[in-house]
């Protein structure tokens, strides 16, 4: 008999990470390793005005934040570390993010991403 954890992991892989349901297929580059064509759910991609310091005179830059979900096994069991760079393809080009935080629960990675954009 399977445990509840096993059932949740199976549902995550077969439903949430299913490219015909919620996920899209992306190439992810992390720590110099390329993970081609893995199912990824990117949610909450949004731009907001970045907090500007008094001595900061750069105008027109925005903080882009997003959350990436993927199976830990699809990234070789690696949990991305805070402050490191991660690249995810967006059509024909790679978009670079910084890892704001990450956690692995029940075989799924939840990685909060941030980038500065014009």
PDB file of N, CA and C in Angstrom:
ATOM      1  N   UNK A   1       0.842  -1.176   0.000  1.00  0.00           N
ATOM      2  CA  UNK A   1       0.000   0.000   0.000  1.00  0.00           C
ATOM      3  C   UNK A   1       0.891   1.245   0.000  1.00  0.00           C
ATOM      4  N   UNK A   2       0.561   2.198  -0.812  1.00  0.00           N
ATOM      5  CA  UNK A   2       1.338   3.427  -0.918  1.00  0.00           C
ATOM      6  C   UNK A   2       1.003   4.376   0.222  1.00  0.00           C
ATOM      7  N   UNK A   3       1.998   5.142   0.614  1.00  0.00           N
ATOM      8  CA  UNK A   3       1.772   6.148   1.641  1.00  0.00           C
ATOM      9  C   UNK A   3       1.141   7.383   1.014  1.00  0.00           C
ATOM     10  N   UNK A   4       0.621   8.244   1.859  1.00  0.00           N
ATOM     11  CA  UNK A   4       0.029   9.490   1.381  1.00  0.00           C
ATOM     12  C   UNK A   4       1.066  10.312   0.621  1.00  0.00           C
ATOM     13  N   UNK A   5       2.285  10.347   1.131  1.00  0.00           N
ATOM     14  CA  UNK A   5       3.361  11.087   0.488  1.00  0.00           C
ATOM     15  C   UNK A   5       3.621  10.555  -0.920  1.00  0.00           C
ATOM     16  N   UNK A   6       3.621   9.243  -1.088  1.00  0.00           N
ATOM     17  CA  UNK A   6       3.819   8.636  -2.406  1.00  0.00           C
ATOM     18  C   UNK A   6       2.692   9.023  -3.367  1.00  0.00           C
ATOM     19  N   UNK A   7       1.471   9.055  -2.856  1.00  0.00           N
ATOM     20  CA  UNK A   7       0.330   9.418  -3.696  1.00  0.00           C
ATOM     21  C   UNK A   7       0.414  10.881  -4.129  1.00  0.00           C
ATOM     22  N   UNK A   8       0.828  11.762  -3.214  1.00  0.00           N
ATOM     23  CA  UNK A   8       0.958  13.184  -3.546  1.00  0.00           C
ATOM     24  C   UNK A   8       2.051  13.377  -4.600  1.00  0.00           C
ATOM     25  N   UNK A   9       3.189  12.693  -4.425  1.00  0.00           N
ATOM     26  CA  UNK A   9       4.273  12.781  -5.407  1.00  0.00           C
ATOM     27  C   UNK A   9       3.809  12.314  -6.780  1.00  0.00           C
ATOM     28  N   UNK A  10       3.050  11.228  -6.822  1.00  0.00           N
ATOM     29  CA  UNK A  10       2.546  10.709  -8.100  1.00  0.00           C
ATOM     30  C   UNK A  10       1.581  11.710  -8.741  1.00  0.00           C
ATOM     31  N   UNK A  11       0.687  12.300  -7.936  1.00  0.00           N
ATOM     32  CA  UNK A  11      -0.242  13.302  -8.467  1.00  0.00           C
ATOM     33  C   UNK A  11       0.497  14.529  -8.978  1.00  0.00           C
ATOM     34  N   UNK A  12       1.515  14.974  -8.242  1.00  0.00           N
ATOM     35  CA  UNK A  12       2.300  16.124  -8.690  1.00  0.00           C
ATOM     36  C   UNK A  12       2.902  15.868 -10.054  1.00  0.00           C
ATOM     37  N   UNK A  13       3.495  14.702 -10.216  1.00  0.00           N
ATOM     38  CA  UNK A  13       4.174  14.361 -11.469  1.00  0.00           C
ATOM     39  C   UNK A  13       3.173  14.149 -12.608  1.00  0.00           C
ATOM     40  N   UNK A  14       2.054  13.477 -12.326  1.00  0.00           N
ATOM     41  CA  UNK A  14       1.114  13.098 -13.383  1.00  0.00           C
ATOM     42  C   UNK A  14       0.078  14.166 -13.725  1.00  0.00           C
ATOM     43  N   UNK A  15      -0.178  15.107 -12.809  1.00  0.00           N
ATOM     44  CA  UNK A  15      -1.199  16.123 -13.068  1.00  0.00           C
ATOM     45  C   UNK A  15      -0.564  17.509 -13.123  1.00  0.00           C
ATOM     46  N   UNK A  16      -0.005  17.975 -12.006  1.00  0.00           N
ATOM     47  CA  UNK A  16       0.520  19.336 -11.931  1.00  0.00           C
ATOM     48  C   UNK A  16       1.684  19.545 -12.895  1.00  0.00           C
ATOM     49  N   UNK A  17       2.545  18.582 -13.045  1.00  0.00           N
ATOM     50  CA  UNK A  17       3.708  18.704 -13.933  1.00  0.00           C
ATOM     51  C   UNK A  17       3.439  18.140 -15.325  1.00  0.00           C
ATOM     52  N   UNK A  18       2.207  17.836 -15.631  1.00  0.00           N
ATOM     53  CA  UNK A  18       1.811  17.321 -16.931  1.00  0.00           C
ATOM     54  C   UNK A  18       1.742  18.490 -17.920  1.00  0.00           C
ATOM     55  N   UNK A  19       2.491  18.406 -19.006  1.00  0.00           N
ATOM     56  CA  UNK A  19       2.531  19.481 -20.007  1.00  0.00           C
ATOM     57  C   UNK A  19       1.183  19.682 -20.698  1.00  0.00           C
ATOM     58  N   UNK A  20       0.307  18.706 -20.617  1.00  0.00           N
ATOM     59  CA  UNK A  20      -1.030  18.852 -21.199  1.00  0.00           C
ATOM     60  C   UNK A  20      -2.017  19.477 -20.207  1.00  0.00           C
ATOM     61  N   UNK A  21      -1.607  19.650 -18.968  1.00  0.00           N
ATOM     62  CA  UNK A  21      -2.485  20.208 -17.943  1.00  0.00           C
ATOM     63  C   UNK A  21      -2.030  21.599 -17.519  1.00  0.00           C
ATOM     64  N   UNK A  22      -0.990  21.672 -16.671  1.00  0.00           N
ATOM     65  CA  UNK A  22      -0.568  22.939 -16.091  1.00  0.00           C
ATOM     66  C   UNK A  22       0.832  23.383 -16.514  1.00  0.00           C
ATOM     67  N   UNK A  23       1.719  22.452 -16.713  1.00  0.00           N
ATOM     68  CA  UNK A  23       3.132  22.772 -16.945  1.00  0.00           C
ATOM     69  C   UNK A  23       3.411  23.102 -18.405  1.00  0.00           C
ATOM     70  N   UNK A  24       4.512  23.805 -18.611  1.00  0.00           N
ATOM     71  CA  UNK A  24       5.066  24.039 -19.933  1.00  0.00           C
ATOM     72  C   UNK A  24       6.466  23.450 -19.941  1.00  0.00           C
ATOM     73  N   UNK A  25       6.920  23.048 -21.101  1.00  0.00           N
ATOM     74  CA  UNK A  25       8.251  22.466 -21.219  1.00  0.00           C
ATOM     75  C   UNK A  25       9.267  23.592 -21.402  1.00  0.00           C
ATOM     76  N   UNK A  26      10.285  23.614 -20.534  1.00  0.00           N
ATOM     77  CA  UNK A  26      11.320  24.647 -20.570  1.00  0.00           C
ATOM     78  C   UNK A  26      12.694  23.998 -20.461  1.00  0.00           C
ATOM     79  N   UNK A  27      13.684  24.756 -20.873  1.00  0.00           N
ATOM     80  CA  UNK A  27      15.075  24.399 -20.600  1.00  0.00           C
ATOM     81  C   UNK A  27      15.524  25.280 -19.449  1.00  0.00           C
ATOM     82  N   UNK A  28      16.124  24.663 -18.437  1.00  0.00           N
ATOM     83  CA  UNK A  28      16.590  25.379 -17.252  1.00  0.00           C
ATOM     84  C   UNK A  28      18.094  25.165 -17.133  1.00  0.00           C
ATOM     85  N   UNK A  29      18.820  26.242 -16.888  1.00  0.00           N
ATOM     86  CA  UNK A  29      20.263  26.153 -16.654  1.00  0.00           C
ATOM     87  C   UNK A  29      20.524  26.616 -15.235  1.00  0.00           C
ATOM     88  N   UNK A  30      21.080  25.725 -14.434  1.00  0.00           N
ATOM     89  CA  UNK A  30      21.406  26.064 -13.049  1.00  0.00           C
ATOM     90  C   UNK A  30      22.765  25.469 -12.694  1.00  0.00           C
ATOM     91  N   UNK A  31      23.607  26.278 -12.119  1.00  0.00           N
ATOM     92  CA  UNK A  31      24.929  25.846 -11.645  1.00  0.00           C
ATOM     93  C   UNK A  31      25.741  25.179 -12.759  1.00  0.00           C
ATOM     94  N   UNK A  32      25.621  25.731 -13.988  1.00  0.00           N
ATOM     95  CA  UNK A  32      26.391  25.234 -15.116  1.00  0.00           C
ATOM     96  C   UNK A  32      25.856  23.967 -15.760  1.00  0.00           C
ATOM     97  N   UNK A  33      24.731  23.460 -15.264  1.00  0.00           N
ATOM     98  CA  UNK A  33      24.133  22.243 -15.815  1.00  0.00           C
ATOM     99  C   UNK A  33      22.853  22.618 -16.551  1.00  0.00           C
ATOM    100  N   UNK A  34      22.681  22.086 -17.757  1.00  0.00           N
ATOM    101  CA  UNK A  34      21.490  22.350 -18.560  1.00  0.00           C
ATOM    102  C   UNK A  34      20.517  21.185 -18.419  1.00  0.00           C
ATOM    103  N   UNK A  35      19.292  21.507 -18.035  1.00  0.00           N
ATOM    104  CA  UNK A  35      18.211  20.524 -17.926  1.00  0.00           C
ATOM    105  C   UNK A  35      17.237  20.840 -19.054  1.00  0.00           C
ATOM    106  N   UNK A  36      17.311  20.048 -20.132  1.00  0.00           N
ATOM    107  CA  UNK A  36      16.524  20.317 -21.337  1.00  0.00           C
ATOM    108  C   UNK A  36      15.126  19.715 -21.234  1.00  0.00           C
ATOM    109  N   UNK A  37      14.174  20.500 -21.707  1.00  0.00           N
ATOM    110  CA  UNK A  37      12.797  20.045 -21.899  1.00  0.00           C
ATOM    111  C   UNK A  37      12.201  19.379 -20.661  1.00  0.00           C
ATOM    112  N   UNK A  38      12.201  20.121 -19.550  1.00  0.00           N
ATOM    113  CA  UNK A  38      11.578  19.607 -18.337  1.00  0.00           C
ATOM    114  C   UNK A  38      10.268  20.356 -18.086  1.00  0.00           C
ATOM    115  N   UNK A  39       9.283  19.682 -17.504  1.00  0.00           N
ATOM    116  CA  UNK A  39       8.024  20.360 -17.210  1.00  0.00           C
ATOM    117  C   UNK A  39       8.198  21.343 -16.046  1.00  0.00           C
ATOM    118  N   UNK A  40       7.777  22.587 -16.279  1.00  0.00           N
ATOM    119  CA  UNK A  40       7.920  23.659 -15.298  1.00  0.00           C
ATOM    120  C   UNK A  40       6.629  24.461 -15.271  1.00  0.00           C
ATOM    121  N   UNK A  41       6.225  24.870 -14.085  1.00  0.00           N
ATOM    122  CA  UNK A  41       5.110  25.797 -13.947  1.00  0.00           C
ATOM    123  C   UNK A  41       5.697  27.111 -13.450  1.00  0.00           C
ATOM    124  N   UNK A  42       5.592  28.164 -14.269  1.00  0.00           N
ATOM    125  CA  UNK A  42       6.014  29.510 -13.888  1.00  0.00           C
ATOM    126  C   UNK A  42       4.750  30.307 -13.602  1.00  0.00           C
ATOM    127  N   UNK A  43       4.654  30.831 -12.414  1.00  0.00           N
ATOM    128  CA  UNK A  43       3.453  31.587 -12.063  1.00  0.00           C
ATOM    129  C   UNK A  43       3.823  32.938 -11.483  1.00  0.00           C
ATOM    130  N   UNK A  44       2.902  33.841 -11.601  1.00  0.00           N
ATOM    131  CA  UNK A  44       3.048  35.142 -10.976  1.00  0.00           C
ATOM    132  C   UNK A  44       4.108  36.029 -11.579  1.00  0.00           C
ATOM    133  N   UNK A  45       4.439  35.864 -12.871  1.00  0.00           N
ATOM    134  CA  UNK A  45       5.431  36.747 -13.473  1.00  0.00           C
ATOM    135  C   UNK A  45       4.824  38.146 -13.525  1.00  0.00           C
ATOM    136  N   UNK A  46       5.439  39.042 -12.770  1.00  0.00           N
ATOM    137  CA  UNK A  46       4.919  40.402 -12.716  1.00  0.00           C
ATOM    138  C   UNK A  46       6.061  41.384 -12.513  1.00  0.00           C
ATOM    139  N   UNK A  47       5.834  42.574 -12.994  1.00  0.00           N
ATOM    140  CA  UNK A  47       6.798  43.651 -12.822  1.00  0.00           C
ATOM    141  C   UNK A  47       6.245  44.626 -11.811  1.00  0.00           C
ATOM    142  N   UNK A  48       7.116  45.124 -10.963  1.00  0.00           N
ATOM    143  CA  UNK A  48       6.718  46.179 -10.045  1.00  0.00           C
ATOM    144  C   UNK A  48       7.886  47.143  -9.899  1.00  0.00           C
ATOM    145  N   UNK A  49       7.554  48.370  -9.572  1.00  0.00           N
ATOM    146  CA  UNK A  49       8.616  49.349  -9.358  1.00  0.00           C
ATOM    147  C   UNK A  49       9.523  48.834  -8.261  1.00  0.00           C
ATOM    148  N   UNK A  50      10.817  48.898  -8.542  1.00  0.00           N
ATOM    149  CA  UNK A  50      11.763  48.443  -7.530  1.00  0.00           C
ATOM    150  C   UNK A  50      11.944  49.543  -6.502  1.00  0.00           C
ATOM    151  N   UNK A  51      12.290  49.143  -5.300  1.00  0.00           N
ATOM    152  CA  UNK A  51      12.544  50.110  -4.242  1.00  0.00           C
ATOM    153  C   UNK A  51      13.813  50.876  -4.591  1.00  0.00           C
ATOM    154  N   UNK A  52      13.736  52.179  -4.551  1.00  0.00           N
ATOM    155  CA  UNK A  52      14.855  53.013  -4.950  1.00  0.00           C
ATOM    156  C   UNK A  52      15.444  53.699  -3.722  1.00  0.00           C
ATOM    157  N   UNK A  53      16.763  53.636  -3.578  1.00  0.00           N
ATOM    158  CA  UNK A  53      17.449  54.319  -2.495  1.00  0.00           C
ATOM    159  C   UNK A  53      17.639  55.777  -2.847  1.00  0.00           C
ATOM    160  N   UNK A  54      17.855  56.618  -1.847  1.00  0.00           N
ATOM    161  CA  UNK A  54      18.029  58.049  -2.073  1.00  0.00           C
ATOM    162  C   UNK A  54      19.198  58.316  -3.010  1.00  0.00           C
ATOM    163  N   UNK A  55      20.286  57.549  -2.866  1.00  0.00           N
ATOM    164  CA  UNK A  55      21.473  57.766  -3.697  1.00  0.00           C
ATOM    165  C   UNK A  55      21.393  57.072  -5.057  1.00  0.00           C
ATOM    166  N   UNK A  56      20.305  56.371  -5.306  1.00  0.00           N
ATOM    167  CA  UNK A  56      20.119  55.623  -6.555  1.00  0.00           C
ATOM    168  C   UNK A  56      19.362  56.505  -7.544  1.00  0.00           C
ATOM    169  N   UNK A  57      20.007  56.853  -8.656  1.00  0.00           N
ATOM    170  CA  UNK A  57      19.386  57.747  -9.626  1.00  0.00           C
ATOM    171  C   UNK A  57      19.004  57.045 -10.927  1.00  0.00           C
ATOM    172  N   UNK A  58      18.976  55.725 -10.924  1.00  0.00           N
ATOM    173  CA  UNK A  58      18.618  54.966 -12.126  1.00  0.00           C
ATOM    174  C   UNK A  58      17.091  54.906 -12.226  1.00  0.00           C
ATOM    175  N   UNK A  59      16.566  55.321 -13.345  1.00  0.00           N
ATOM    176  CA  UNK A  59      15.124  55.331 -13.569  1.00  0.00           C
ATOM    177  C   UNK A  59      14.737  54.229 -14.549  1.00  0.00           C
ATOM    178  N   UNK A  60      13.501  53.768 -14.477  1.00  0.00           N
ATOM    179  CA  UNK A  60      12.963  52.857 -15.478  1.00  0.00           C
ATOM    180  C   UNK A  60      13.320  51.394 -15.296  1.00  0.00           C
ATOM    181  N   UNK A  61      13.844  51.008 -14.140  1.00  0.00           N
ATOM    182  CA  UNK A  61      14.120  49.599 -13.879  1.00  0.00           C
ATOM    183  C   UNK A  61      13.016  49.039 -12.992  1.00  0.00           C
ATOM    184  N   UNK A  62      12.649  47.797 -13.260  1.00  0.00           N
ATOM    185  CA  UNK A  62      11.581  47.154 -12.527  1.00  0.00           C
ATOM    186  C   UNK A  62      12.072  45.830 -11.958  1.00  0.00           C
ATOM    187  N   UNK A  63      11.500  45.435 -10.842  1.00  0.00           N
ATOM    188  CA  UNK A  63      11.784  44.142 -10.256  1.00  0.00           C
ATOM    189  C   UNK A  63      10.758  43.151 -10.810  1.00  0.00           C
ATOM    190  N   UNK A  64      11.242  42.101 -11.443  1.00  0.00           N
ATOM    191  CA  UNK A  64      10.378  41.062 -11.988  1.00  0.00           C
ATOM    192  C   UNK A  64      10.436  39.881 -11.038  1.00  0.00           C
ATOM    193  N   UNK A  65       9.286  39.436 -10.581  1.00  0.00           N
ATOM    194  CA  UNK A  65       9.272  38.296  -9.674  1.00  0.00           C
ATOM    195  C   UNK A  65       8.366  37.204 -10.230  1.00  0.00           C
ATOM    196  N   UNK A  66       8.708  35.979  -9.900  1.00  0.00           N
ATOM    197  CA  UNK A  66       7.966  34.821 -10.379  1.00  0.00           C
ATOM    198  C   UNK A  66       8.211  33.661  -9.428  1.00  0.00           C
ATOM    199  N   UNK A  67       7.404  32.641  -9.547  1.00  0.00           N
ATOM    200  CA  UNK A  67       7.595  31.408  -8.782  1.00  0.00           C
ATOM    201  C   UNK A  67       7.667  30.255  -9.772  1.00  0.00           C
ATOM    202  N   UNK A  68       8.711  29.445  -9.637  1.00  0.00           N
ATOM    203  CA  UNK A  68       8.883  28.272 -10.490  1.00  0.00           C
ATOM    204  C   UNK A  68       8.609  27.017  -9.659  1.00  0.00           C
ATOM    205  N   UNK A  69       7.791  26.143 -10.221  1.00  0.00           N
ATOM    206  CA  UNK A  69       7.566  24.823  -9.629  1.00  0.00           C
ATOM    207  C   UNK A  69       8.072  23.777 -10.610  1.00  0.00           C
ATOM    208  N   UNK A  70       8.791  22.809 -10.102  1.00  0.00           N
ATOM    209  CA  UNK A  70       9.201  21.672 -10.922  1.00  0.00           C
ATOM    210  C   UNK A  70       9.520  20.497 -10.003  1.00  0.00           C
ATOM    211  N   UNK A  71       9.590  19.331 -10.577  1.00  0.00           N
ATOM    212  CA  UNK A  71       9.941  18.142  -9.803  1.00  0.00           C
ATOM    213  C   UNK A  71      11.425  18.217  -9.447  1.00  0.00           C
ATOM    214  N   UNK A  72      11.744  17.915  -8.201  1.00  0.00           N
ATOM    215  CA  UNK A  72      13.143  17.945  -7.768  1.00  0.00           C
ATOM    216  C   UNK A  72      13.986  16.988  -8.601  1.00  0.00           C
ATOM    217  N   UNK A  73      13.413  15.879  -8.992  1.00  0.00           N
ATOM    218  CA  UNK A  73      14.150  14.892  -9.791  1.00  0.00           C
ATOM    219  C   UNK A  73      14.527  15.443 -11.163  1.00  0.00           C
ATOM    220  N   UNK A  74      13.725  16.390 -11.699  1.00  0.00           N
ATOM    221  CA  UNK A  74      14.033  16.979 -13.007  1.00  0.00           C
ATOM    222  C   UNK A  74      15.240  17.914 -12.955  1.00  0.00           C
ATOM    223  N   UNK A  75      15.600  18.390 -11.750  1.00  0.00           N
ATOM    224  CA  UNK A  75      16.817  19.188 -11.570  1.00  0.00           C
ATOM    225  C   UNK A  75      17.894  18.363 -10.887  1.00  0.00           C
ATOM    226  N   UNK A  76      17.826  17.062 -11.066  1.00  0.00           N
ATOM    227  CA  UNK A  76      18.848  16.181 -10.518  1.00  0.00           C
ATOM    228  C   UNK A  76      18.862  16.132  -8.999  1.00  0.00           C
ATOM    229  N   UNK A  77      17.744  16.477  -8.371  1.00  0.00           N
ATOM    230  CA  UNK A  77      17.669  16.459  -6.915  1.00  0.00           C
ATOM    231  C   UNK A  77      18.295  17.675  -6.255  1.00  0.00           C
ATOM    232  N   UNK A  78      18.743  18.633  -7.061  1.00  0.00           N
ATOM    233  CA  UNK A  78      19.395  19.833  -6.539  1.00  0.00           C
ATOM    234  C   UNK A  78      18.336  20.856  -6.128  1.00  0.00           C
ATOM    235  N   UNK A  79      18.509  21.450  -4.945  1.00  0.00           N
ATOM    236  CA  UNK A  79      17.649  22.543  -4.501  1.00  0.00           C
ATOM    237  C   UNK A  79      18.430  23.842  -4.706  1.00  0.00           C
ATOM    238  N   UNK A  80      17.978  24.713  -5.605  1.00  0.00           N
ATOM    239  CA  UNK A  80      18.711  25.952  -5.873  1.00  0.00           C
ATOM    240  C   UNK A  80      18.905  26.789  -4.604  1.00  0.00           C
ATOM    241  N   UNK A  81      20.085  27.370  -4.478  1.00  0.00           N
ATOM    242  CA  UNK A  81      20.425  28.151  -3.293  1.00  0.00           C
ATOM    243  C   UNK A  81      20.089  29.621  -3.488  1.00  0.00           C
ATOM    244  N   UNK A  82      19.692  30.266  -2.406  1.00  0.00           N
ATOM    245  CA  UNK A  82      19.364  31.682  -2.418  1.00  0.00           C
ATOM    246  C   UNK A  82      20.555  32.497  -2.935  1.00  0.00           C
ATOM    247  N   UNK A  83      20.271  33.453  -3.822  1.00  0.00           N
ATOM    248  CA  UNK A  83      21.294  34.335  -4.354  1.00  0.00           C
ATOM    249  C   UNK A  83      21.999  33.837  -5.597  1.00  0.00           C
ATOM    250  N   UNK A  84      21.755  32.589  -5.984  1.00  0.00           N
ATOM    251  CA  UNK A  84      22.400  32.046  -7.179  1.00  0.00           C
ATOM    252  C   UNK A  84      21.571  32.396  -8.419  1.00  0.00           C
ATOM    253  N   UNK A  85      22.212  32.294  -9.576  1.00  0.00           N
ATOM    254  CA  UNK A  85      21.536  32.582 -10.842  1.00  0.00           C
ATOM    255  C   UNK A  85      20.910  31.315 -11.400  1.00  0.00           C
ATOM    256  N   UNK A  86      19.788  31.502 -12.069  1.00  0.00           N
ATOM    257  CA  UNK A  86      19.123  30.411 -12.772  1.00  0.00           C
ATOM    258  C   UNK A  86      18.563  30.995 -14.057  1.00  0.00           C
ATOM    259  N   UNK A  87      18.676  30.261 -15.146  1.00  0.00           N
ATOM    260  CA  UNK A  87      18.166  30.709 -16.439  1.00  0.00           C
ATOM    261  C   UNK A  87      17.053  29.769 -16.884  1.00  0.00           C
ATOM    262  N   UNK A  88      16.001  30.373 -17.437  1.00  0.00           N
ATOM    263  CA  UNK A  88      14.857  29.609 -17.933  1.00  0.00           C
ATOM    264  C   UNK A  88      14.510  30.157 -19.307  1.00  0.00           C
ATOM    265  N   UNK A  89      14.340  29.250 -20.281  1.00  0.00           N
ATOM    266  CA  UNK A  89      14.030  29.761 -21.616  1.00  0.00           C
ATOM    267  C   UNK A  89      12.618  30.321 -21.656  1.00  0.00           C
ATOM    268  N   UNK A  90      12.505  31.404 -22.402  1.00  0.00           N
ATOM    269  CA  UNK A  90      11.231  32.083 -22.620  1.00  0.00           C
ATOM    270  C   UNK A  90      11.118  32.268 -24.126  1.00  0.00           C
ATOM    271  N   UNK A  91      10.585  31.276 -24.784  1.00  0.00           N
ATOM    272  CA  UNK A  91      10.581  31.285 -26.243  1.00  0.00           C
ATOM    273  C   UNK A  91      11.974  30.963 -26.752  1.00  0.00           C
ATOM    274  N   UNK A  92      12.520  31.876 -27.554  1.00  0.00           N
ATOM    275  CA  UNK A  92      13.826  31.630 -28.170  1.00  0.00           C
ATOM    276  C   UNK A  92      15.005  32.168 -27.363  1.00  0.00           C
ATOM    277  N   UNK A  93      14.751  32.827 -26.242  1.00  0.00           N
ATOM    278  CA  UNK A  93      15.874  33.355 -25.479  1.00  0.00           C
ATOM    279  C   UNK A  93      15.810  32.893 -24.023  1.00  0.00           C
ATOM    280  N   UNK A  94      16.944  32.989 -23.347  1.00  0.00           N
ATOM    281  CA  UNK A  94      17.039  32.585 -21.947  1.00  0.00           C
ATOM    282  C   UNK A  94      16.834  33.811 -21.064  1.00  0.00           C
ATOM    283  N   UNK A  95      15.994  33.684 -20.086  1.00  0.00           N
ATOM    284  CA  UNK A  95      15.757  34.765 -19.132  1.00  0.00           C
ATOM    285  C   UNK A  95      16.486  34.415 -17.841  1.00  0.00           C
ATOM    286  N   UNK A  96      17.279  35.359 -17.339  1.00  0.00           N
ATOM    287  CA  UNK A  96      18.087  35.106 -16.147  1.00  0.00           C
ATOM    288  C   UNK A  96      17.410  35.679 -14.906  1.00  0.00           C
ATOM    289  N   UNK A  97      17.354  34.859 -13.866  1.00  0.00           N
ATOM    290  CA  UNK A  97      16.773  35.242 -12.591  1.00  0.00           C
ATOM    291  C   UNK A  97      17.787  34.987 -11.480  1.00  0.00           C
ATOM    292  N   UNK A  98      17.515  35.578 -10.333  1.00  0.00           N
ATOM    293  CA  UNK A  98      18.213  35.239  -9.100  1.00  0.00           C
ATOM    294  C   UNK A  98      17.235  34.478  -8.221  1.00  0.00           C
ATOM    295  N   UNK A  99      17.739  33.494  -7.506  1.00  0.00           N
ATOM    296  CA  UNK A  99      16.906  32.724  -6.596  1.00  0.00           C
ATOM    297  C   UNK A  99      16.720  33.539  -5.319  1.00  0.00           C
ATOM    298  N   UNK A 100      15.465  33.901  -5.019  1.00  0.00           N
ATOM    299  CA  UNK A 100      15.153  34.643  -3.798  1.00  0.00           C
ATOM    300  C   UNK A 100      14.967  33.678  -2.630  1.00  0.00           C
ATOM    301  N   UNK A 101      14.390  32.519  -2.906  1.00  0.00           N
ATOM    302  CA  UNK A 101      14.231  31.466  -1.898  1.00  0.00           C
ATOM    303  C   UNK A 101      13.816  30.187  -2.618  1.00  0.00           C
ATOM    304  N   UNK A 102      14.046  29.074  -1.971  1.00  0.00           N
ATOM    305  CA  UNK A 102      13.605  27.799  -2.549  1.00  0.00           C
ATOM    306  C   UNK A 102      13.375  26.790  -1.444  1.00  0.00           C
ATOM    307  N   UNK A 103      12.473  25.885  -1.727  1.00  0.00           N
ATOM    308  CA  UNK A 103      12.146  24.824  -0.782  1.00  0.00           C
ATOM    309  C   UNK A 103      11.733  23.590  -1.575  1.00  0.00           C
ATOM    310  N   UNK A 104      12.021  22.435  -1.019  1.00  0.00           N
ATOM    311  CA  UNK A 104      11.601  21.169  -1.633  1.00  0.00           C
ATOM    312  C   UNK A 104      10.665  20.464  -0.662  1.00  0.00           C
ATOM    313  N   UNK A 105       9.439  20.223  -1.120  1.00  0.00           N
ATOM    314  CA  UNK A 105       8.449  19.522  -0.319  1.00  0.00           C
ATOM    315  C   UNK A 105       7.781  18.461  -1.171  1.00  0.00           C
ATOM    316  N   UNK A 106       7.718  17.272  -0.667  1.00  0.00           N
ATOM    317  CA  UNK A 106       7.059  16.145  -1.309  1.00  0.00           C
ATOM    318  C   UNK A 106       7.534  15.987  -2.751  1.00  0.00           C
ATOM    319  N   UNK A 107       8.837  16.140  -2.966  1.00  0.00           N
ATOM    320  CA  UNK A 107       9.415  15.931  -4.278  1.00  0.00           C
ATOM    321  C   UNK A 107       9.267  17.081  -5.253  1.00  0.00           C
ATOM    322  N   UNK A 108       8.659  18.192  -4.811  1.00  0.00           N
ATOM    323  CA  UNK A 108       8.448  19.363  -5.670  1.00  0.00           C
ATOM    324  C   UNK A 108       9.292  20.527  -5.180  1.00  0.00           C
ATOM    325  N   UNK A 109       9.900  21.224  -6.137  1.00  0.00           N
ATOM    326  CA  UNK A 109      10.633  22.443  -5.831  1.00  0.00           C
ATOM    327  C   UNK A 109       9.716  23.641  -6.007  1.00  0.00           C
ATOM    328  N   UNK A 110       9.786  24.555  -5.075  1.00  0.00           N
ATOM    329  CA  UNK A 110       9.114  25.853  -5.184  1.00  0.00           C
ATOM    330  C   UNK A 110      10.222  26.885  -5.072  1.00  0.00           C
ATOM    331  N   UNK A 111      10.520  27.559  -6.185  1.00  0.00           N
ATOM    332  CA  UNK A 111      11.652  28.481  -6.248  1.00  0.00           C
ATOM    333  C   UNK A 111      11.122  29.872  -6.561  1.00  0.00           C
ATOM    334  N   UNK A 112      11.336  30.813  -5.639  1.00  0.00           N
ATOM    335  CA  UNK A 112      10.950  32.192  -5.872  1.00  0.00           C
ATOM    336  C   UNK A 112      12.091  32.875  -6.610  1.00  0.00           C
ATOM    337  N   UNK A 113      11.748  33.548  -7.709  1.00  0.00           N
ATOM    338  CA  UNK A 113      12.741  34.130  -8.617  1.00  0.00           C
ATOM    339  C   UNK A 113      12.576  35.640  -8.686  1.00  0.00           C
ATOM    340  N   UNK A 114      13.705  36.330  -8.876  1.00  0.00           N
ATOM    341  CA  UNK A 114      13.669  37.773  -9.055  1.00  0.00           C
ATOM    342  C   UNK A 114      14.664  38.165 -10.142  1.00  0.00           C
ATOM    343  N   UNK A 115      14.333  39.226 -10.872  1.00  0.00           N
ATOM    344  CA  UNK A 115      15.227  39.771 -11.898  1.00  0.00           C
ATOM    345  C   UNK A 115      14.969  41.253 -12.017  1.00  0.00           C
ATOM    346  N   UNK A 116      15.968  41.993 -12.468  1.00  0.00           N
ATOM    347  CA  UNK A 116      15.801  43.416 -12.747  1.00  0.00           C
ATOM    348  C   UNK A 116      15.619  43.552 -14.250  1.00  0.00           C
ATOM    349  N   UNK A 117      14.592  44.287 -14.656  1.00  0.00           N
ATOM    350  CA  UNK A 117      14.270  44.448 -16.071  1.00  0.00           C
ATOM    351  C   UNK A 117      14.041  45.924 -16.372  1.00  0.00           C
ATOM    352  N   UNK A 118      14.219  46.283 -17.635  1.00  0.00           N
ATOM    353  CA  UNK A 118      13.991  47.673 -18.059  1.00  0.00           C
ATOM    354  C   UNK A 118      12.571  47.884 -18.495  1.00  0.00           C
TER     355      UNK A 118
END
